[in-house]
Every structure is written in structure tokens, then in C-alpha cells.
Amino acid sequence: MRTPLFLATFLAAFIATPSGAQVPDADYQIAAAEMALPTALKEKAGVFGHVDSVDDEMQELRSGDDLLVCRVGRIEGERLNVFCLPESMQPLMKRFRELRDGGMEFDEATETLQAEIKDGQLATPPSLAIGYAYRGADGSYGQNLDEVKQHASRWQLVMTPFATAEKLNLPDKPEGSMPWLMAAGTGFAHIMVYGDPAANLEP
């Protein structure tokens, strides 16, 4: 069974892909992470990013309060990509990277995670744990953040493991700016929350 497209997009953000991009300094990456967050959390989250090469494993750039961890990198198109997820999700993401780094194909890795979750080998985050995401346009990784935010997207994720769209009265695919359930019925299920992009970005 192939991984659903939206789930694949979510998990792909945690995989390193070959790139020739220059690594921005730690201050830049920390500032980028904070663009994903509400004001009250900007200085509390731990931040991981690249140091020498975007092809290397991410390293801690700033310690946090152990409740929220941001990972700053880039995805296809050299797009700045930030995901800030609850500490409770980190073992799941770590296991996913281990499977992929070990040579497992994407679909097989996600199916393995699903099996390990169902068997109780991996814990899912508690329902209503909140994550934050921020993504720039093509070529935005390492670019001036004041310019990046002019064409960036910001959204939030509400973790609801194994929830279904029917149970939550939500659509299971995007409809404009309405909330929707991504990866319905899986251990990765979460509500995607969008707002008016102009309202989400800082002035």
C-alpha cells in the first residue's frame, strides 16, 4: 500500500536530501524557527539545524524547555522548511529517520512505523499536542527572512492519532483555509489548521 500523498509530504520534511545549498548561520536558523511560532513560544523552543552541510545530521543550535523542538532545513526547490513538534513526537520522527537512513524505501518505512505503533513499540503523541510549521517559496532557504516571509506559508498541526474525518466532522483533504484531517486513521493523524496568510505573518 502506497503512502497517502499528504502523509508523504509531512514525513518528507524530516529526510535529508542532497543539495548544494550553503548553510546559513545558527542565528539565521533560530530566527527562522521562531517565525513558525506564536510570540509566547519563540524563546522557549529548542532548535535543531545544519552546521557544516545540509546533507549532515541536524545538530542542536539552541536548547529549549523540552516541550517543543524545531527543525530548520529545506525541501525540494531549496525551500526554507520549519517544523516545530512536541517533544513527545521526537522518538517517532527519530525512528523514521533511522529507517530511511538504513536504506528502507519511503513507503516501507511508513508502513513499518505504523506496525510498530500498533504493536506498542512506538508511542504516539497525546491527542491535542500542537505543532507549528513554516515554509518559504522556491529558493528561500538561506535568503533574507524579511523577504522570505512575503511569500511564506504558516500553519499549525493538532495531533489526533488514529482519528478519522467522520469522527471529527472534518474533511480529509484541503478546502481553502478550512481545517482538515491529514493522514486520517493512522498514528500520524493530525488536524491541519490554516488561517488568512496575511494574518499569520508578522508585520
C-alpha atoms as a PDB file:
ATOM      1  CA  MET A   1       0.000   0.000   0.000  1.00  0.00           C
ATOM      2  CA  ARG A   2       1.407   3.349  -1.043  1.00  0.00           C
ATOM      3  CA  THR A   3       1.770   6.139   1.480  1.00  0.00           C
ATOM      4  CA  PRO A   4      -1.014   8.776   1.144  1.00  0.00           C
ATOM      5  CA  LEU A   5       0.304  11.869  -0.629  1.00  0.00           C
ATOM      6  CA  PHE A   6      -0.280  14.286   2.242  1.00  0.00           C
ATOM      7  CA  LEU A   7       1.336  11.952   4.789  1.00  0.00           C
ATOM      8  CA  ALA A   8       4.322  11.542   2.463  1.00  0.00           C
ATOM      9  CA  THR A   9       4.656  15.334   2.256  1.00  0.00           C
ATOM     10  CA  PHE A  10       4.608  15.630   6.043  1.00  0.00           C
ATOM     11  CA  LEU A  11       7.192  12.914   6.672  1.00  0.00           C
ATOM     12  CA  ALA A  12       9.428  14.008   3.790  1.00  0.00           C
ATOM     13  CA  ALA A  13      10.208  17.178   5.728  1.00  0.00           C
ATOM     14  CA  PHE A  14      12.308  15.076   8.110  1.00  0.00           C
ATOM     15  CA  ILE A  15      14.529  13.454   5.479  1.00  0.00           C
ATOM     16  CA  ALA A  16      17.807  14.965   4.307  1.00  0.00           C
ATOM     17  CA  THR A  17      18.085  15.204   0.521  1.00  0.00           C
ATOM     18  CA  PRO A  18      21.258  16.041  -1.438  1.00  0.00           C
ATOM     19  CA  SER A  19      21.671  19.753  -2.017  1.00  0.00           C
ATOM     20  CA  GLY A  20      24.276  22.313  -2.954  1.00  0.00           C
ATOM     21  CA  ALA A  21      22.788  24.987  -0.708  1.00  0.00           C
ATOM     22  CA  GLN A  22      25.011  26.993   1.616  1.00  0.00           C
ATOM     23  CA  VAL A  23      24.337  26.542   5.324  1.00  0.00           C
ATOM     24  CA  PRO A  24      23.092  29.759   6.978  1.00  0.00           C
ATOM     25  CA  ASP A  25      24.475  30.544  10.426  1.00  0.00           C
ATOM     26  CA  ALA A  26      22.838  29.468  13.676  1.00  0.00           C
ATOM     27  CA  ASP A  27      21.291  32.886  14.354  1.00  0.00           C
ATOM     28  CA  TYR A  28      19.523  32.757  10.983  1.00  0.00           C
ATOM     29  CA  GLN A  29      18.171  29.267  11.602  1.00  0.00           C
ATOM     30  CA  ILE A  30      16.952  30.137  15.091  1.00  0.00           C
ATOM     31  CA  ALA A  31      15.214  33.251  13.750  1.00  0.00           C
ATOM     32  CA  ALA A  32      13.633  31.127  11.012  1.00  0.00           C
ATOM     33  CA  ALA A  33      12.354  28.659  13.605  1.00  0.00           C
ATOM     34  CA  GLU A  34      10.769  31.475  15.596  1.00  0.00           C
ATOM     35  CA  MET A  35       8.818  32.580  12.505  1.00  0.00           C
ATOM     36  CA  ALA A  36       6.744  29.412  12.851  1.00  0.00           C
ATOM     37  CA  LEU A  37       5.805  30.096  16.465  1.00  0.00           C
ATOM     38  CA  PRO A  38       3.421  32.304  18.430  1.00  0.00           C
ATOM     39  CA  THR A  39       5.131  35.047  20.412  1.00  0.00           C
ATOM     40  CA  ALA A  40       4.804  33.257  23.751  1.00  0.00           C
ATOM     41  CA  LEU A  41       6.813  30.271  22.500  1.00  0.00           C
ATOM     42  CA  LYS A  42       9.503  31.933  20.382  1.00  0.00           C
ATOM     43  CA  GLU A  43      12.236  31.797  23.037  1.00  0.00           C
ATOM     44  CA  LYS A  44      11.155  28.518  24.658  1.00  0.00           C
ATOM     45  CA  ALA A  45      11.517  26.025  21.802  1.00  0.00           C
ATOM     46  CA  GLY A  46      14.666  24.039  21.186  1.00  0.00           C
ATOM     47  CA  VAL A  47      16.102  24.448  17.688  1.00  0.00           C
ATOM     48  CA  PHE A  48      17.955  21.928  15.540  1.00  0.00           C
ATOM     49  CA  GLY A  49      19.565  22.782  12.219  1.00  0.00           C
ATOM     50  CA  HIS A  50      22.560  22.161   9.997  1.00  0.00           C
ATOM     51  CA  VAL A  51      26.082  23.271  10.881  1.00  0.00           C
ATOM     52  CA  ASP A  52      28.596  22.304   8.191  1.00  0.00           C
ATOM     53  CA  SER A  53      26.465  20.817   5.424  1.00  0.00           C
ATOM     54  CA  VAL A  54      22.762  20.477   4.667  1.00  0.00           C
ATOM     55  CA  ASP A  55      23.500  16.804   3.943  1.00  0.00           C
ATOM     56  CA  ASP A  56      24.653  16.171   7.533  1.00  0.00           C
ATOM     57  CA  GLU A  57      22.508  15.170  10.501  1.00  0.00           C
ATOM     58  CA  MET A  58      20.958  18.175  12.235  1.00  0.00           C
ATOM     59  CA  GLN A  59      22.537  19.372  15.459  1.00  0.00           C
ATOM     60  CA  GLU A  60      21.138  21.326  18.400  1.00  0.00           C
ATOM     61  CA  LEU A  61      21.539  25.057  17.843  1.00  0.00           C
ATOM     62  CA  ARG A  62      19.622  26.169  20.930  1.00  0.00           C
ATOM     63  CA  SER A  63      18.324  24.232  23.906  1.00  0.00           C
ATOM     64  CA  GLY A  64      14.703  24.713  24.918  1.00  0.00           C
ATOM     65  CA  ASP A  65      12.236  23.823  27.639  1.00  0.00           C
ATOM     66  CA  ASP A  66      11.967  20.192  26.442  1.00  0.00           C
ATOM     67  CA  LEU A  67       8.351  20.671  25.339  1.00  0.00           C
ATOM     68  CA  LEU A  68       8.763  21.804  21.734  1.00  0.00           C
ATOM     69  CA  VAL A  69      11.541  21.073  19.214  1.00  0.00           C
ATOM     70  CA  CYS A  70      12.001  22.955  15.933  1.00  0.00           C
ATOM     71  CA  ARG A  71      13.920  21.530  12.976  1.00  0.00           C
ATOM     72  CA  VAL A  72      15.076  24.025  10.346  1.00  0.00           C
ATOM     73  CA  GLY A  73      16.053  22.760   6.917  1.00  0.00           C
ATOM     74  CA  ARG A  74      14.970  22.806   3.315  1.00  0.00           C
ATOM     75  CA  ILE A  75      12.925  20.655   0.974  1.00  0.00           C
ATOM     76  CA  GLU A  76      12.789  20.306  -2.809  1.00  0.00           C
ATOM     77  CA  GLY A  77      13.189  23.595  -4.601  1.00  0.00           C
ATOM     78  CA  GLU A  78      15.564  24.793  -1.871  1.00  0.00           C
ATOM     79  CA  ARG A  79      12.586  25.965   0.150  1.00  0.00           C
ATOM     80  CA  LEU A  80      13.088  27.024   3.758  1.00  0.00           C
ATOM     81  CA  ASN A  81      11.194  24.479   5.837  1.00  0.00           C
ATOM     82  CA  VAL A  82      10.499  24.642   9.573  1.00  0.00           C
ATOM     83  CA  PHE A  83       8.638  22.083  11.668  1.00  0.00           C
ATOM     84  CA  CYS A  84       8.229  22.603  15.411  1.00  0.00           C
ATOM     85  CA  LEU A  85       6.798  19.487  17.003  1.00  0.00           C
ATOM     86  CA  PRO A  86       6.102  18.407  20.580  1.00  0.00           C
ATOM     87  CA  GLU A  87       8.906  16.579  22.336  1.00  0.00           C
ATOM     88  CA  SER A  88       6.529  13.605  22.536  1.00  0.00           C
ATOM     89  CA  MET A  89       6.774  13.209  18.745  1.00  0.00           C
ATOM     90  CA  GLN A  90      10.570  13.177  18.570  1.00  0.00           C
ATOM     91  CA  PRO A  91      11.011   9.392  19.094  1.00  0.00           C
ATOM     92  CA  LEU A  92       8.614   8.786  16.198  1.00  0.00           C
ATOM     93  CA  MET A  93      10.491  11.159  13.901  1.00  0.00           C
ATOM     94  CA  LYS A  94      13.852   9.751  15.012  1.00  0.00           C
ATOM     95  CA  ARG A  95      12.708   6.216  14.226  1.00  0.00           C
ATOM     96  CA  PHE A  96      11.511   7.306  10.800  1.00  0.00           C
ATOM     97  CA  ARG A  97      14.915   8.828  10.009  1.00  0.00           C
ATOM     98  CA  GLU A  98      16.649   5.667  11.238  1.00  0.00           C
ATOM     99  CA  LEU A  99      14.599   3.503   8.888  1.00  0.00           C
ATOM    100  CA  ARG A 100      15.266   5.766   5.909  1.00  0.00           C
ATOM    101  CA  ASP A 101      18.973   6.147   6.713  1.00  0.00           C
ATOM    102  CA  GLY A 102      19.149   2.361   6.913  1.00  0.00           C
ATOM    103  CA  GLY A 103      18.108   2.135   3.281  1.00  0.00           C
ATOM    104  CA  MET A 104      14.396   1.395   3.687  1.00  0.00           C
ATOM    105  CA  GLU A 105      12.146   2.774   0.946  1.00  0.00           C
ATOM    106  CA  PHE A 106       9.738   5.546   1.921  1.00  0.00           C
ATOM    107  CA  ASP A 107       6.516   3.511   1.776  1.00  0.00           C
ATOM    108  CA  GLU A 108       8.081   0.581   3.612  1.00  0.00           C
ATOM    109  CA  ALA A 109       9.390   2.903   6.319  1.00  0.00           C
ATOM    110  CA  THR A 110       5.971   4.463   6.938  1.00  0.00           C
ATOM    111  CA  GLU A 111       4.303   1.051   6.987  1.00  0.00           C
ATOM    112  CA  THR A 112       6.940  -0.158   9.470  1.00  0.00           C
ATOM    113  CA  LEU A 113       6.223   2.838  11.699  1.00  0.00           C
ATOM    114  CA  GLN A 114       2.523   2.097  11.541  1.00  0.00           C
ATOM    115  CA  ALA A 115       3.122  -1.518  12.536  1.00  0.00           C
ATOM    116  CA  GLU A 116       5.413  -0.528  15.412  1.00  0.00           C
ATOM    117  CA  ILE A 117       2.836   1.968  16.673  1.00  0.00           C
ATOM    118  CA  LYS A 118       0.054  -0.627  16.575  1.00  0.00           C
ATOM    119  CA  ASP A 119       2.290  -3.164  18.344  1.00  0.00           C
ATOM    120  CA  GLY A 120       3.047  -0.668  21.087  1.00  0.00           C
ATOM    121  CA  GLN A 121       6.750  -0.429  20.225  1.00  0.00           C
ATOM    122  CA  LEU A 122       6.397   3.279  19.436  1.00  0.00           C
ATOM    123  CA  ALA A 123       4.280   5.771  21.340  1.00  0.00           C
ATOM    124  CA  THR A 124       2.159   8.328  19.549  1.00  0.00           C
ATOM    125  CA  PRO A 125       1.900  11.889  20.866  1.00  0.00           C
ATOM    126  CA  PRO A 126      -1.041  12.637  23.166  1.00  0.00           C
ATOM    127  CA  SER A 127      -4.129  13.979  21.439  1.00  0.00           C
ATOM    128  CA  LEU A 128      -4.200  17.771  21.156  1.00  0.00           C
ATOM    129  CA  ALA A 129      -0.409  18.094  21.205  1.00  0.00           C
ATOM    130  CA  ILE A 130       0.290  21.082  18.950  1.00  0.00           C
ATOM    131  CA  GLY A 131       2.906  21.508  16.239  1.00  0.00           C
ATOM    132  CA  TYR A 132       3.844  24.520  14.100  1.00  0.00           C
ATOM    133  CA  ALA A 133       5.067  24.721  10.512  1.00  0.00           C
ATOM    134  CA  TYR A 134       6.556  27.414   8.281  1.00  0.00           C
ATOM    135  CA  ARG A 135       7.559  27.088   4.647  1.00  0.00           C
ATOM    136  CA  GLY A 136       9.070  29.553   2.192  1.00  0.00           C
ATOM    137  CA  ALA A 137       8.842  29.696  -1.573  1.00  0.00           C
ATOM    138  CA  ASP A 138      11.284  28.060  -4.000  1.00  0.00           C
ATOM    139  CA  GLY A 139      14.844  29.249  -3.409  1.00  0.00           C
ATOM    140  CA  SER A 140      14.049  30.732   0.015  1.00  0.00           C
ATOM    141  CA  TYR A 141      16.474  28.630   2.095  1.00  0.00           C
ATOM    142  CA  GLY A 142      19.211  30.943   3.398  1.00  0.00           C
ATOM    143  CA  GLN A 143      17.613  34.057   1.934  1.00  0.00           C
ATOM    144  CA  ASN A 144      16.795  37.250   3.840  1.00  0.00           C
ATOM    145  CA  LEU A 145      13.964  36.386   6.239  1.00  0.00           C
ATOM    146  CA  ASP A 146      12.184  39.712   5.743  1.00  0.00           C
ATOM    147  CA  GLU A 147      11.887  38.802   2.073  1.00  0.00           C
ATOM    148  CA  VAL A 148      11.105  35.138   2.736  1.00  0.00           C
ATOM    149  CA  LYS A 149       8.029  35.950   4.804  1.00  0.00           C
ATOM    150  CA  GLN A 150       6.461  37.873   1.911  1.00  0.00           C
ATOM    151  CA  HIS A 151       5.777  34.559   0.154  1.00  0.00           C
ATOM    152  CA  ALA A 152       5.748  32.061   3.014  1.00  0.00           C
ATOM    153  CA  SER A 153       3.048  29.864   4.499  1.00  0.00           C
ATOM    154  CA  ARG A 154       2.450  29.209   8.177  1.00  0.00           C
ATOM    155  CA  TRP A 155       0.110  26.630   9.677  1.00  0.00           C
ATOM    156  CA  GLN A 156      -0.471  24.587  12.816  1.00  0.00           C
ATOM    157  CA  LEU A 157      -0.945  20.881  13.465  1.00  0.00           C
ATOM    158  CA  VAL A 158      -3.165  19.387  16.171  1.00  0.00           C
ATOM    159  CA  MET A 159      -2.125  15.778  16.812  1.00  0.00           C
ATOM    160  CA  THR A 160      -5.081  13.368  16.911  1.00  0.00           C
ATOM    161  CA  PRO A 161      -3.603   9.843  16.499  1.00  0.00           C
ATOM    162  CA  PHE A 162      -5.928   7.364  14.737  1.00  0.00           C
ATOM    163  CA  ALA A 163      -8.741   9.914  14.420  1.00  0.00           C
ATOM    164  CA  THR A 164     -10.985   9.737  11.375  1.00  0.00           C
ATOM    165  CA  ALA A 165     -12.556  12.559   9.408  1.00  0.00           C
ATOM    166  CA  GLU A 166     -16.024  11.191  10.166  1.00  0.00           C
ATOM    167  CA  LYS A 167     -15.402  11.161  13.905  1.00  0.00           C
ATOM    168  CA  LEU A 168     -14.125  14.744  13.930  1.00  0.00           C
ATOM    169  CA  ASN A 169     -16.569  16.101  11.328  1.00  0.00           C
ATOM    170  CA  LEU A 170     -13.680  17.334   9.209  1.00  0.00           C
ATOM    171  CA  PRO A 171     -12.751  16.963   5.534  1.00  0.00           C
ATOM    172  CA  ASP A 172      -9.782  14.676   4.830  1.00  0.00           C
ATOM    173  CA  LYS A 173      -8.309  16.948   2.173  1.00  0.00           C
ATOM    174  CA  PRO A 174      -7.715  20.715   1.894  1.00  0.00           C
ATOM    175  CA  GLU A 175     -10.650  23.031   1.193  1.00  0.00           C
ATOM    176  CA  GLY A 176      -9.410  26.594   1.082  1.00  0.00           C
ATOM    177  CA  SER A 177      -8.407  27.754   4.564  1.00  0.00           C
ATOM    178  CA  MET A 178     -10.677  25.310   6.431  1.00  0.00           C
ATOM    179  CA  PRO A 179      -9.129  22.894   8.966  1.00  0.00           C
ATOM    180  CA  TRP A 180      -8.794  19.340   7.643  1.00  0.00           C
ATOM    181  CA  LEU A 181      -7.560  15.964   8.869  1.00  0.00           C
ATOM    182  CA  MET A 182      -4.289  14.734   7.411  1.00  0.00           C
ATOM    183  CA  ALA A 183      -3.291  11.037   7.489  1.00  0.00           C
ATOM    184  CA  ALA A 184      -6.722  10.057   8.831  1.00  0.00           C
ATOM    185  CA  GLY A 185      -6.901   6.782  10.715  1.00  0.00           C
ATOM    186  CA  THR A 186      -3.139   6.486  11.194  1.00  0.00           C
ATOM    187  CA  GLY A 187      -0.832   7.081  14.121  1.00  0.00           C
ATOM    188  CA  PHE A 188       0.247  10.272  12.330  1.00  0.00           C
ATOM    189  CA  ALA A 189      -3.281  11.724  12.095  1.00  0.00           C
ATOM    190  CA  HIS A 190      -3.405  15.457  12.770  1.00  0.00           C
ATOM    191  CA  ILE A 191      -5.631  18.424  12.054  1.00  0.00           C
ATOM    192  CA  MET A 192      -4.117  20.963   9.684  1.00  0.00           C
ATOM    193  CA  VAL A 193      -5.107  24.471  10.747  1.00  0.00           C
ATOM    194  CA  TYR A 194      -4.737  27.354   8.306  1.00  0.00           C
ATOM    195  CA  GLY A 195      -5.751  30.965   8.636  1.00  0.00           C
ATOM    196  CA  ASP A 196      -5.539  34.031   6.471  1.00  0.00           C
ATOM    197  CA  PRO A 197      -1.867  34.058   5.339  1.00  0.00           C
ATOM    198  CA  ALA A 198      -1.729  37.829   5.732  1.00  0.00           C
ATOM    199  CA  ALA A 199      -2.864  37.496   9.326  1.00  0.00           C
ATOM    200  CA  ASN A 200      -0.416  34.700  10.081  1.00  0.00           C
ATOM    201  CA  LEU A 201       2.687  36.611   9.038  1.00  0.00           C
ATOM    202  CA  GLU A 202       4.270  39.146  11.302  1.00  0.00           C
ATOM    203  CA  PRO A 203       4.096  42.782  10.085  1.00  0.00           C
END
